C-alpha atoms as a PDB file:
ATOM      1  CA  MET A   1     129.095 133.248  70.241  1.00  0.00           C
ATOM      2  CA  ARG A   2     129.933 136.103  67.942  1.00  0.00           C
ATOM      3  CA  ALA A   3     129.541 139.554  69.794  1.00  0.00           C
ATOM      4  CA  ASN A   4     128.540 142.875  68.507  1.00  0.00           C
ATOM      5  CA  PHE A   5     131.326 145.488  69.403  1.00  0.00           C
ATOM      6  CA  PRO A   6     129.023 147.900  70.840  1.00  0.00           C
ATOM      7  CA  GLU A   7     127.604 145.207  73.017  1.00  0.00           C
ATOM      8  CA  LYS A   8     130.787 145.106  75.030  1.00  0.00           C
ATOM      9  CA  HIS A   9     130.084 148.689  76.272  1.00  0.00           C
ATOM     10  CA  TRP A  10     126.350 149.684  75.659  1.00  0.00           C
ATOM     11  CA  TYR A  11     125.253 147.431  78.550  1.00  0.00           C
ATOM     12  CA  ARG A  12     127.929 148.136  81.145  1.00  0.00           C
ATOM     13  CA  LEU A  13     130.077 151.008  82.298  1.00  0.00           C
ATOM     14  CA  SER A  14     133.413 150.538  80.600  1.00  0.00           C
ATOM     15  CA  ALA A  15     136.355 152.720  79.790  1.00  0.00           C
ATOM     16  CA  MET A  16     135.107 152.459  75.875  1.00  0.00           C
ATOM     17  CA  SER A  17     131.444 153.755  77.282  1.00  0.00           C
ATOM     18  CA  LEU A  18     133.210 156.789  79.434  1.00  0.00           C
ATOM     19  CA  ALA A  19     135.245 157.554  76.816  1.00  0.00           C
ATOM     20  CA  LEU A  20     132.662 158.193  74.072  1.00  0.00           C
ATOM     21  CA  TRP A  21     130.631 160.005  76.740  1.00  0.00           C
ATOM     22  CA  PRO A  22     131.188 163.659  75.490  1.00  0.00           C
ATOM     23  CA  ALA A  23     129.981 162.340  71.977  1.00  0.00           C
ATOM     24  CA  SER A  24     127.012 161.149  72.781  1.00  0.00           C
ATOM     25  CA  GLN A  25     126.491 164.655  74.587  1.00  0.00           C
ATOM     26  CA  LEU A  26     126.949 166.259  70.819  1.00  0.00           C
ATOM     27  CA  PHE A  27     124.636 163.494  69.638  1.00  0.00           C
ATOM     28  CA  ARG A  28     122.291 163.935  72.338  1.00  0.00           C
ATOM     29  CA  LEU A  29     122.113 168.008  71.291  1.00  0.00           C
ATOM     30  CA  LEU A  30     121.402 167.363  68.024  1.00  0.00           C
ATOM     31  CA  VAL A  31     118.336 165.160  68.856  1.00  0.00           C
ATOM     32  CA  ALA A  32     117.292 167.717  70.493  1.00  0.00           C
ATOM     33  CA  LEU A  33     117.883 170.489  68.255  1.00  0.00           C
ATOM     34  CA  ARG A  34     115.971 167.735  65.686  1.00  0.00           C
ATOM     35  CA  ARG A  35     112.953 167.612  67.647  1.00  0.00           C
ATOM     36  CA  VAL A  36     112.881 171.643  69.028  1.00  0.00           C
ATOM     37  CA  ALA A  37     112.826 172.052  64.774  1.00  0.00           C
ATOM     38  CA  TYR A  38     109.442 169.971  64.070  1.00  0.00           C
ATOM     39  CA  ARG A  39     107.488 171.144  67.220  1.00  0.00           C
ATOM     40  CA  SER A  40     108.254 174.968  66.223  1.00  0.00           C
ATOM     41  CA  GLY A  41     107.143 174.014  62.511  1.00  0.00           C
ATOM     42  CA  LEU A  42     110.434 174.513  61.280  1.00  0.00           C
ATOM     43  CA  LEU A  43     110.116 170.993  60.420  1.00  0.00           C
ATOM     44  CA  THR A  44     106.956 169.926  58.979  1.00  0.00           C
ATOM     45  CA  ALA A  45     105.371 166.520  59.538  1.00  0.00           C
ATOM     46  CA  VAL A  46     103.408 165.004  57.123  1.00  0.00           C
ATOM     47  CA  LYS A  47      99.940 164.172  58.451  1.00  0.00           C
ATOM     48  CA  LEU A  48      97.963 161.211  56.711  1.00  0.00           C
ATOM     49  CA  PRO A  49      94.026 160.744  56.255  1.00  0.00           C
ATOM     50  CA  VAL A  50      94.121 157.882  58.913  1.00  0.00           C
ATOM     51  CA  ALA A  51      95.381 156.920  61.959  1.00  0.00           C
ATOM     52  CA  VAL A  52      99.081 156.105  62.457  1.00  0.00           C
ATOM     53  CA  ILE A  53     100.344 154.066  65.492  1.00  0.00           C
ATOM     54  CA  VAL A  54     104.101 154.043  65.582  1.00  0.00           C
ATOM     55  CA  VAL A  55     106.124 151.167  67.167  1.00  0.00           C
ATOM     56  CA  GLY A  56     109.832 151.546  68.272  1.00  0.00           C
ATOM     57  CA  ASN A  57     111.853 152.177  70.910  1.00  0.00           C
ATOM     58  CA  LEU A  58     114.314 154.064  72.526  1.00  0.00           C
ATOM     59  CA  VAL A  59     117.126 152.107  72.153  1.00  0.00           C
ATOM     60  CA  ALA A  60     119.143 150.987  69.075  1.00  0.00           C
ATOM     61  CA  GLY A  61     119.079 147.142  68.365  1.00  0.00           C
ATOM     62  CA  GLY A  62     116.114 144.993  68.284  1.00  0.00           C
ATOM     63  CA  THR A  63     114.050 144.666  71.313  1.00  0.00           C
ATOM     64  CA  GLY A  64     110.652 142.120  70.003  1.00  0.00           C
ATOM     65  CA  LYS A  65     108.991 145.185  67.625  1.00  0.00           C
ATOM     66  CA  THR A  66     107.964 142.869  65.082  1.00  0.00           C
ATOM     67  CA  PRO A  67     105.772 140.144  67.021  1.00  0.00           C
ATOM     68  CA  LEU A  68     104.520 143.066  68.571  1.00  0.00           C
ATOM     69  CA  VAL A  69     103.644 144.532  65.056  1.00  0.00           C
ATOM     70  CA  LEU A  70     102.085 141.208  63.811  1.00  0.00           C
ATOM     71  CA  TRP A  71     100.038 140.981  67.032  1.00  0.00           C
ATOM     72  CA  LEU A  72      98.593 144.667  66.724  1.00  0.00           C
ATOM     73  CA  ALA A  73      97.653 143.984  62.752  1.00  0.00           C
ATOM     74  CA  ALA A  74      95.829 141.104  64.058  1.00  0.00           C
ATOM     75  CA  MET A  75      93.636 142.437  66.640  1.00  0.00           C
ATOM     76  CA  LEU A  76      93.049 145.465  64.920  1.00  0.00           C
ATOM     77  CA  LYS A  77      91.718 143.028  62.134  1.00  0.00           C
ATOM     78  CA  LYS A  78      89.574 141.281  64.016  1.00  0.00           C
ATOM     79  CA  SER A  79      88.116 144.294  66.073  1.00  0.00           C
ATOM     80  CA  GLY A  80      86.666 145.315  62.088  1.00  0.00           C
ATOM     81  CA  ARG A  81      89.685 147.885  61.008  1.00  0.00           C
ATOM     82  CA  LYS A  82      91.959 147.125  58.134  1.00  0.00           C
ATOM     83  CA  PRO A  83      95.317 147.935  58.676  1.00  0.00           C
ATOM     84  CA  GLY A  84      98.490 148.552  56.620  1.00  0.00           C
ATOM     85  CA  ILE A  85     102.661 148.205  57.891  1.00  0.00           C
ATOM     86  CA  VAL A  86     105.386 150.450  56.770  1.00  0.00           C
ATOM     87  CA  SER A  87     108.777 149.641  57.434  1.00  0.00           C
ATOM     88  CA  ARG A  88     111.872 151.367  56.560  1.00  0.00           C
ATOM     89  CA  GLY A  89     113.459 147.778  55.045  1.00  0.00           C
ATOM     90  CA  TYR A  90     116.781 148.039  56.951  1.00  0.00           C
ATOM     91  CA  GLY A  91     118.842 145.392  55.306  1.00  0.00           C
ATOM     92  CA  GLY A  92     117.275 145.714  52.146  1.00  0.00           C
ATOM     93  CA  GLY A  93     118.917 147.065  49.274  1.00  0.00           C
ATOM     94  CA  ALA A  94     115.274 148.901  47.651  1.00  0.00           C
ATOM     95  CA  ALA A  95     116.254 152.844  46.717  1.00  0.00           C
ATOM     96  CA  ALA A  96     112.408 153.905  46.411  1.00  0.00           C
ATOM     97  CA  SER A  97     109.423 152.916  48.166  1.00  0.00           C
ATOM     98  CA  MET A  98     107.932 149.880  47.132  1.00  0.00           C
ATOM     99  CA  ALA A  99     104.958 147.036  48.228  1.00  0.00           C
ATOM    100  CA  VAL A 100     106.382 143.910  49.976  1.00  0.00           C
ATOM    101  CA  ALA A 101     105.047 140.750  48.993  1.00  0.00           C
ATOM    102  CA  ALA A 102     105.531 137.057  50.489  1.00  0.00           C
ATOM    103  CA  THR A 103     107.843 136.409  47.336  1.00  0.00           C
ATOM    104  CA  SER A 104     109.889 139.418  47.834  1.00  0.00           C
ATOM    105  CA  PRO A 105     113.426 138.806  47.947  1.00  0.00           C
ATOM    106  CA  VAL A 106     114.690 139.321  51.513  1.00  0.00           C
ATOM    107  CA  GLU A 107     117.881 141.354  49.907  1.00  0.00           C
ATOM    108  CA  LEU A 108     115.845 143.721  48.085  1.00  0.00           C
ATOM    109  CA  VAL A 109     113.083 143.931  51.231  1.00  0.00           C
ATOM    110  CA  GLY A 110     114.745 143.184  54.249  1.00  0.00           C
ATOM    111  CA  ASP A 111     114.260 140.233  56.999  1.00  0.00           C
ATOM    112  CA  GLU A 112     111.375 141.717  58.678  1.00  0.00           C
ATOM    113  CA  PRO A 113     109.128 143.038  55.950  1.00  0.00           C
ATOM    114  CA  LEU A 114     108.950 140.153  54.116  1.00  0.00           C
ATOM    115  CA  LEU A 115     108.224 138.572  57.820  1.00  0.00           C
ATOM    116  CA  LEU A 116     105.757 141.009  57.996  1.00  0.00           C
ATOM    117  CA  ALA A 117     104.293 140.455  54.797  1.00  0.00           C
ATOM    118  CA  ARG A 118     104.100 136.711  55.027  1.00  0.00           C
ATOM    119  CA  ALA A 119     102.576 136.646  58.737  1.00  0.00           C
ATOM    120  CA  SER A 120     100.254 139.681  58.481  1.00  0.00           C
ATOM    121  CA  ASP A 121      97.863 139.239  55.913  1.00  0.00           C
ATOM    122  CA  CYS A 122      98.125 143.220  55.568  1.00  0.00           C
ATOM    123  CA  PRO A 123      99.608 145.349  52.606  1.00  0.00           C
ATOM    124  CA  VAL A 124     103.475 146.038  53.593  1.00  0.00           C
ATOM    125  CA  TRP A 125     105.500 148.870  51.997  1.00  0.00           C
ATOM    126  CA  ILE A 126     108.868 150.302  52.730  1.00  0.00           C
ATOM    127  CA  GLY A 127     110.990 153.516  52.191  1.00  0.00           C
ATOM    128  CA  ARG A 128     113.780 155.277  54.085  1.00  0.00           C
ATOM    129  CA  ASN A 129     110.987 157.975  53.852  1.00  0.00           C
ATOM    130  CA  ARG A 130     108.329 156.530  55.641  1.00  0.00           C
ATOM    131  CA  ALA A 131     106.215 159.159  54.905  1.00  0.00           C
ATOM    132  CA  ASP A 132     106.170 158.466  51.225  1.00  0.00           C
ATOM    133  CA  ALA A 133     105.704 154.651  52.155  1.00  0.00           C
ATOM    134  CA  ALA A 134     102.743 155.206  53.272  1.00  0.00           C
ATOM    135  CA  LEU A 135     101.327 157.682  51.112  1.00  0.00           C
ATOM    136  CA  GLY A 136     102.041 155.040  48.392  1.00  0.00           C
ATOM    137  CA  LEU A 137     100.139 152.060  50.475  1.00  0.00           C
ATOM    138  CA  LEU A 138      97.346 154.201  51.222  1.00  0.00           C
ATOM    139  CA  GLY A 139      97.176 154.867  47.332  1.00  0.00           C
ATOM    140  CA  ALA A 140      97.687 151.392  46.750  1.00  0.00           C
ATOM    141  CA  HIS A 141      95.104 149.932  49.389  1.00  0.00           C
ATOM    142  CA  PRO A 142      92.647 153.130  50.221  1.00  0.00           C
ATOM    143  CA  GLU A 143      90.476 150.539  51.917  1.00  0.00           C
ATOM    144  CA  CYS A 144      93.589 150.960  54.800  1.00  0.00           C
ATOM    145  CA  ASP A 145      92.004 152.829  57.864  1.00  0.00           C
ATOM    146  CA  VAL A 146      94.782 152.481  60.222  1.00  0.00           C
ATOM    147  CA  LEU A 147      98.346 152.157  59.909  1.00  0.00           C
ATOM    148  CA  ILE A 148     101.352 150.524  61.941  1.00  0.00           C
ATOM    149  CA  LEU A 149     104.946 152.420  61.765  1.00  0.00           C
ATOM    150  CA  ASP A 150     107.321 149.799  62.568  1.00  0.00           C
ATOM    151  CA  ASP A 151     110.470 150.975  63.892  1.00  0.00           C
ATOM    152  CA  GLY A 152     109.696 154.998  63.226  1.00  0.00           C
ATOM    153  CA  LEU A 153     109.840 156.490  67.026  1.00  0.00           C
ATOM    154  CA  GLN A 154     112.381 158.587  65.861  1.00  0.00           C
ATOM    155  CA  HIS A 155     110.692 159.367  62.166  1.00  0.00           C
ATOM    156  CA  TYR A 156     109.284 162.383  62.980  1.00  0.00           C
ATOM    157  CA  ARG A 157     108.463 163.270  59.622  1.00  0.00           C
ATOM    158  CA  LEU A 158     105.826 160.896  59.783  1.00  0.00           C
ATOM    159  CA  ALA A 159     102.588 162.548  62.531  1.00  0.00           C
ATOM    160  CA  ARG A 160     101.347 159.931  64.363  1.00  0.00           C
ATOM    161  CA  ASP A 161      98.615 159.501  66.685  1.00  0.00           C
ATOM    162  CA  ILE A 162      99.996 156.578  69.109  1.00  0.00           C
ATOM    163  CA  GLU A 163     103.840 155.607  69.849  1.00  0.00           C
ATOM    164  CA  ILE A 164     104.471 153.055  71.582  1.00  0.00           C
ATOM    165  CA  ALA A 165     108.546 151.784  72.804  1.00  0.00           C
ATOM    166  CA  VAL A 166     109.112 148.248  72.710  1.00  0.00           C
ATOM    167  CA  GLU A 167     111.620 147.121  75.760  1.00  0.00           C
ATOM    168  CA  ASP A 168     113.334 144.185  76.584  1.00  0.00           C
ATOM    169  CA  ALA A 169     115.088 142.778  80.008  1.00  0.00           C
ATOM    170  CA  ARG A 170     118.286 145.117  79.284  1.00  0.00           C
ATOM    171  CA  GLY A 171     116.216 148.206  79.687  1.00  0.00           C
ATOM    172  CA  ALA A 172     118.075 151.473  78.573  1.00  0.00           C
ATOM    173  CA  GLY A 173     121.711 149.542  79.011  1.00  0.00           C
ATOM    174  CA  ASN A 174     124.397 151.831  80.748  1.00  0.00           C
ATOM    175  CA  GLY A 175     121.576 154.857  80.384  1.00  0.00           C
ATOM    176  CA  PHE A 176     123.997 156.388  77.845  1.00  0.00           C
ATOM    177  CA  LEU A 177     123.304 157.822  74.296  1.00  0.00           C
ATOM    178  CA  LEU A 178     124.807 156.615  71.584  1.00  0.00           C
ATOM    179  CA  PRO A 179     127.548 155.472  70.613  1.00  0.00           C
ATOM    180  CA  ALA A 180     128.337 155.680  74.054  1.00  0.00           C
ATOM    181  CA  GLY A 181     125.283 153.834  75.307  1.00  0.00           C
ATOM    182  CA  PRO A 182     122.109 152.296  72.991  1.00  0.00           C
ATOM    183  CA  LEU A 183     119.994 155.213  73.785  1.00  0.00           C
ATOM    184  CA  ARG A 184     118.354 156.616  70.348  1.00  0.00           C
ATOM    185  CA  GLU A 185     116.975 159.480  72.331  1.00  0.00           C
ATOM    186  CA  PRO A 186     116.759 160.028  76.213  1.00  0.00           C
ATOM    187  CA  LEU A 187     115.116 158.325  78.658  1.00  0.00           C
ATOM    188  CA  SER A 188     112.686 161.293  79.379  1.00  0.00           C
ATOM    189  CA  ARG A 189     111.538 160.598  75.838  1.00  0.00           C
ATOM    190  CA  ARG A 190     107.566 160.841  76.431  1.00  0.00           C
ATOM    191  CA  VAL A 191     104.924 157.841  74.552  1.00  0.00           C
ATOM    192  CA  ASP A 192     101.872 156.784  75.277  1.00  0.00           C
ATOM    193  CA  ALA A 193     102.208 153.242  76.381  1.00  0.00           C
ATOM    194  CA  TRP A 194     105.771 150.693  76.893  1.00  0.00           C
ATOM    195  CA  VAL A 195     105.505 147.310  76.417  1.00  0.00           C
ATOM    196  CA  VAL A 196     107.654 145.144  77.608  1.00  0.00           C
ATOM    197  CA  ASN A 197     109.466 142.219  76.333  1.00  0.00           C
ATOM    198  CA  SER A 198     109.550 138.605  78.383  1.00  0.00           C
ATOM    199  CA  ALA A 199     110.166 140.933  81.838  1.00  0.00           C
ATOM    200  CA  SER A 200     108.634 142.917  84.388  1.00  0.00           C
ATOM    201  CA  PRO A 201     107.168 146.430  83.341  1.00  0.00           C
ATOM    202  CA  GLY A 202     109.341 148.363  86.187  1.00  0.00           C
ATOM    203  CA  SER A 203     108.695 151.811  86.419  1.00  0.00           C
ATOM    204  CA  HIS A 204     107.188 152.818  83.127  1.00  0.00           C
ATOM    205  CA  GLY A 205     104.153 154.368  83.115  1.00  0.00           C
ATOM    206  CA  SER A 206     101.266 152.884  80.941  1.00  0.00           C
ATOM    207  CA  ALA A 207     103.056 149.804  80.882  1.00  0.00           C
ATOM    208  CA  TYR A 208     102.385 146.469  79.578  1.00  0.00           C
ATOM    209  CA  ARG A 209     104.212 143.227  79.365  1.00  0.00           C
ATOM    210  CA  MET A 210     104.579 140.785  76.363  1.00  0.00           C
ATOM    211  CA  ASP A 211     105.540 137.228  76.457  1.00  0.00           C
ATOM    212  CA  LEU A 212     106.631 135.100  72.872  1.00  0.00           C
ATOM    213  CA  ARG A 213     104.787 132.050  73.196  1.00  0.00           C
ATOM    214  CA  GLY A 214     105.608 128.994  70.995  1.00  0.00           C
ATOM    215  CA  ASP A 215     106.682 125.497  71.102  1.00  0.00           C
ATOM    216  CA  ARG A 216     106.387 124.504  67.289  1.00  0.00           C
ATOM    217  CA  PHE A 217     109.379 124.744  64.753  1.00  0.00           C
ATOM    218  CA  ARG A 218     108.637 124.497  60.975  1.00  0.00           C
ATOM    219  CA  ARG A 219     111.120 122.964  58.969  1.00  0.00           C
ATOM    220  CA  VAL A 220     113.124 126.212  56.610  1.00  0.00           C
ATOM    221  CA  ALA A 221     113.268 124.109  53.800  1.00  0.00           C
ATOM    222  CA  ALA A 222     109.639 122.832  53.660  1.00  0.00           C
ATOM    223  CA  PRO A 223     107.436 125.427  55.684  1.00  0.00           C
ATOM    224  CA  ARG A 224     104.480 122.766  55.908  1.00  0.00           C
ATOM    225  CA  ASP A 225     106.256 120.544  57.969  1.00  0.00           C
ATOM    226  CA  CYS A 226     105.717 121.188  61.529  1.00  0.00           C
ATOM    227  CA  ARG A 227     106.782 119.624  64.516  1.00  0.00           C
ATOM    228  CA  PRO A 228     106.719 119.838  68.349  1.00  0.00           C
ATOM    229  CA  ALA A 229     109.694 121.075  70.795  1.00  0.00           C
ATOM    230  CA  ALA A 230     109.176 117.656  72.165  1.00  0.00           C
ATOM    231  CA  SER A 231     110.867 116.090  69.036  1.00  0.00           C
ATOM    232  CA  PHE A 232     114.312 117.517  69.493  1.00  0.00           C
ATOM    233  CA  ALA A 233     114.366 116.894  73.239  1.00  0.00           C
ATOM    234  CA  ASP A 234     116.029 113.480  72.922  1.00  0.00           C
ATOM    235  CA  LYS A 235     118.878 114.579  70.210  1.00  0.00           C
ATOM    236  CA  LYS A 236     122.248 115.031  71.319  1.00  0.00           C
ATOM    237  CA  THR A 237     123.396 117.640  68.942  1.00  0.00           C
ATOM    238  CA  LEU A 238     121.631 120.610  68.552  1.00  0.00           C
ATOM    239  CA  HIS A 239     122.861 123.967  67.559  1.00  0.00           C
ATOM    240  CA  ALA A 240     120.852 127.263  68.339  1.00  0.00           C
ATOM    241  CA  VAL A 241     121.570 130.344  65.756  1.00  0.00           C
ATOM    242  CA  ALA A 242     119.820 133.927  65.936  1.00  0.00           C
ATOM    243  CA  GLY A 243     120.454 137.023  64.397  1.00  0.00           C
ATOM    244  CA  ILE A 244     118.539 139.021  66.431  1.00  0.00           C
ATOM    245  CA  GLY A 245     118.898 142.072  68.574  1.00  0.00           C
ATOM    246  CA  ASN A 246     118.916 140.106  71.773  1.00  0.00           C
ATOM    247  CA  PRO A 247     120.266 136.503  70.893  1.00  0.00           C
ATOM    248  CA  LYS A 248     120.215 135.281  74.554  1.00  0.00           C
ATOM    249  CA  ARG A 249     116.315 135.841  74.156  1.00  0.00           C
ATOM    250  CA  PHE A 250     116.253 133.082  71.585  1.00  0.00           C
ATOM    251  CA  PHE A 251     118.321 130.662  73.604  1.00  0.00           C
ATOM    252  CA  ASP A 252     116.485 131.191  76.827  1.00  0.00           C
ATOM    253  CA  GLN A 253     113.526 130.504  75.136  1.00  0.00           C
ATOM    254  CA  LEU A 254     114.791 126.975  73.645  1.00  0.00           C
ATOM    255  CA  ALA A 255     116.011 126.322  77.408  1.00  0.00           C
ATOM    256  CA  GLY A 256     112.710 126.597  78.673  1.00  0.00           C
ATOM    257  CA  LEU A 257     111.642 124.641  76.255  1.00  0.00           C
ATOM    258  CA  GLY A 258     113.903 121.624  77.580  1.00  0.00           C
ATOM    259  CA  LEU A 259     116.222 122.124  74.668  1.00  0.00           C
ATOM    260  CA  VAL A 260     119.783 121.783  75.018  1.00  0.00           C
ATOM    261  CA  ALA A 261     121.726 123.544  72.288  1.00  0.00           C
ATOM    262  CA  ALA A 262     125.300 125.033  71.164  1.00  0.00           C
ATOM    263  CA  SER A 263     124.767 128.939  70.771  1.00  0.00           C
ATOM    264  CA  HIS A 264     125.834 130.960  67.794  1.00  0.00           C
ATOM    265  CA  ALA A 265     124.786 134.356  68.221  1.00  0.00           C
ATOM    266  CA  PHE A 266     125.081 136.878  65.274  1.00  0.00           C
ATOM    267  CA  PRO A 267     124.836 140.355  64.697  1.00  0.00           C
ATOM    268  CA  ASP A 268     121.452 141.904  64.065  1.00  0.00           C
ATOM    269  CA  HIS A 269     120.079 141.366  60.560  1.00  0.00           C
ATOM    270  CA  HIS A 270     122.951 139.283  59.630  1.00  0.00           C
ATOM    271  CA  ALA A 271     123.106 138.322  55.815  1.00  0.00           C
ATOM    272  CA  TYR A 272     123.726 134.657  56.401  1.00  0.00           C
ATOM    273  CA  THR A 273     125.458 132.141  53.952  1.00  0.00           C
ATOM    274  CA  ALA A 274     125.567 128.350  53.970  1.00  0.00           C
ATOM    275  CA  GLY A 275     129.124 128.230  55.658  1.00  0.00           C
ATOM    276  CA  ASP A 276     127.675 130.655  58.691  1.00  0.00           C
ATOM    277  CA  LEU A 277     125.619 127.386  59.641  1.00  0.00           C
ATOM    278  CA  ASP A 278     128.042 124.206  59.006  1.00  0.00           C
ATOM    279  CA  PHE A 279     127.703 122.862  61.870  1.00  0.00           C
ATOM    280  CA  GLY A 280     129.386 119.126  60.543  1.00  0.00           C
ATOM    281  CA  ASP A 281     127.036 115.934  61.250  1.00  0.00           C
ATOM    282  CA  CYS A 282     124.243 117.760  63.710  1.00  0.00           C
ATOM    283  CA  ASP A 283     120.526 116.626  64.583  1.00  0.00           C
ATOM    284  CA  ALA A 284     119.346 119.935  63.671  1.00  0.00           C
ATOM    285  CA  VAL A 285     120.175 123.682  63.412  1.00  0.00           C
ATOM    286  CA  LEU A 286     117.219 125.698  65.295  1.00  0.00           C
ATOM    287  CA  MET A 287     116.376 129.229  64.309  1.00  0.00           C
ATOM    288  CA  THR A 288     114.418 132.512  64.584  1.00  0.00           C
ATOM    289  CA  GLU A 289     111.848 132.917  61.739  1.00  0.00           C
ATOM    290  CA  LYS A 290     113.340 136.300  61.289  1.00  0.00           C
ATOM    291  CA  ASP A 291     116.743 133.858  60.354  1.00  0.00           C
ATOM    292  CA  ALA A 292     114.902 131.489  58.357  1.00  0.00           C
ATOM    293  CA  VAL A 293     113.892 133.746  55.881  1.00  0.00           C
ATOM    294  CA  LYS A 294     116.806 134.726  55.018  1.00  0.00           C
ATOM    295  CA  CYS A 295     118.462 131.101  54.621  1.00  0.00           C
ATOM    296  CA  GLU A 296     115.792 129.216  52.891  1.00  0.00           C
ATOM    297  CA  ALA A 297     117.862 129.585  49.417  1.00  0.00           C
ATOM    298  CA  PHE A 298     120.117 127.400  51.199  1.00  0.00           C
ATOM    299  CA  ALA A 299     118.238 126.004  53.749  1.00  0.00           C
ATOM    300  CA  ARG A 300     119.101 122.154  54.755  1.00  0.00           C
ATOM    301  CA  GLU A 301     116.641 119.339  55.490  1.00  0.00           C
ATOM    302  CA  ASN A 302     117.602 119.500  59.357  1.00  0.00           C
ATOM    303  CA  TRP A 303     117.307 123.499  59.654  1.00  0.00           C
ATOM    304  CA  TYR A 304     114.183 124.496  61.769  1.00  0.00           C
ATOM    305  CA  ALA A 305     112.137 127.542  62.712  1.00  0.00           C
ATOM    306  CA  LEU A 306     110.487 128.711  65.977  1.00  0.00           C
ATOM    307  CA  GLN A 307     107.152 129.963  65.798  1.00  0.00           C
ATOM    308  CA  VAL A 308     106.030 132.337  68.002  1.00  0.00           C
ATOM    309  CA  GLU A 309     103.349 134.675  68.518  1.00  0.00           C
ATOM    310  CA  ALA A 310     103.091 137.673  71.010  1.00  0.00           C
ATOM    311  CA  GLU A 311     100.872 137.243  74.352  1.00  0.00           C
ATOM    312  CA  LEU A 312      99.438 140.775  75.802  1.00  0.00           C
ATOM    313  CA  ALA A 313      96.720 141.473  78.173  1.00  0.00           C
ATOM    314  CA  PRO A 314      93.310 142.251  76.707  1.00  0.00           C
ATOM    315  CA  ALA A 315      93.439 145.591  78.203  1.00  0.00           C
ATOM    316  CA  PHE A 316      96.431 146.930  76.107  1.00  0.00           C
ATOM    317  CA  PHE A 317      94.475 146.666  73.074  1.00  0.00           C
ATOM    318  CA  GLU A 318      91.782 148.440  74.832  1.00  0.00           C
ATOM    319  CA  PHE A 319      94.105 151.250  75.865  1.00  0.00           C
ATOM    320  CA  ILE A 320      94.820 150.878  71.930  1.00  0.00           C
ATOM    321  CA  LEU A 321      91.372 151.351  70.916  1.00  0.00           C
ATOM    322  CA  ALA A 322      90.171 154.281  73.441  1.00  0.00           C
ATOM    323  CA  LYS A 323      93.594 156.134  72.027  1.00  0.00           C
ATOM    324  CA  LEU A 324      92.643 155.413  67.950  1.00  0.00           C
ATOM    325  CA  ARG A 325      89.125 156.800  69.033  1.00  0.00           C
ATOM    326  CA  ALA A 326      90.197 159.857  70.844  1.00  0.00           C
ATOM    327  CA  SER A 327      92.439 160.939  67.836  1.00  0.00           C
ATOM    328  CA  ASN A 328      92.239 164.070  66.379  1.00  0.00           C
ATOM    329  CA  SER A 329      92.431 163.275  62.341  1.00  0.00           C
ATOM    330  CA  ASN A 330      92.758 166.967  62.126  1.00  0.00           C
ATOM    331  CA  THR A 331      95.901 167.650  64.746  1.00  0.00           C
ATOM    332  CA  VAL A 332      99.632 167.050  63.870  1.00  0.00           C
ATOM    333  CA  ARG A 333     101.474 165.223  66.797  1.00  0.00           C
ATOM    334  CA  ARG A 334     104.648 166.974  67.294  1.00  0.00           C
ATOM    335  CA  PRO A 335     107.973 165.354  69.437  1.00  0.00           C
ATOM    336  CA  ILE A 336     107.087 166.212  73.224  1.00  0.00           C
END
């Protein structure tokens, strides 16, 4: 299992995390100054003519934002809204804001935006400047009446109506800010709601649990070929790979499906090569959908991606609808 260097000290107290604590205090000061600049109006946030829902997290790395964004988009469409999705395009090489299509090169647009474009049936735009990307999306799709901003909690330049922070079982780790810990902002940072992925909501106010459900795999080289998890139960040699923020969550999910596989963790957003997944003569290689979009060009016939969907209580979407109805389109939301 390949461990990321930060993982060695972000989620426990260690000599390294303690040595980096002074640097984290400087980072805390810079974060506070930036927030004050937006609160005071020294820096101005762009207010869009439509509501903006931000899905992000306080910690660096993945916590399950992409499944939540897809769930929100689907629920908004069911309620009669016309959502669009804006993302940074992390891991892609695009220099300017642009639309993402189902056929876009993953090395240009990034793994998560490509997955969102394929699975959401919504307009998806990327850009390092999320405000510019949002304006580009609305210009191309004026029918959109709400935008979901993927991983934009710290992108204050774009005003927002609802802020959702996603957390998983790892929580805030050692509680330190970067680089001593995983936190991008202090835990005192207020948001409208917390969503906790596959774990108890804990002590957060307005917290909702999210579970990722799925027991079917699609063949990476032939996406229409789907089969149940039970079809792998009698296989003797399975390998599982995950290049996500918390690989253990995926491996635990496979174990929950009754599958015994050798686990191989890669860094989040890892750019796979065929050699990374050369495990010899094995029965199958199992991976996440996020990994699969980066492996399609060289996929072997026995590589499969687990299809999952987010599951949340109806009360969470009722909360979102109530917040949307109460949002004031003339008020620019500033950091609290």
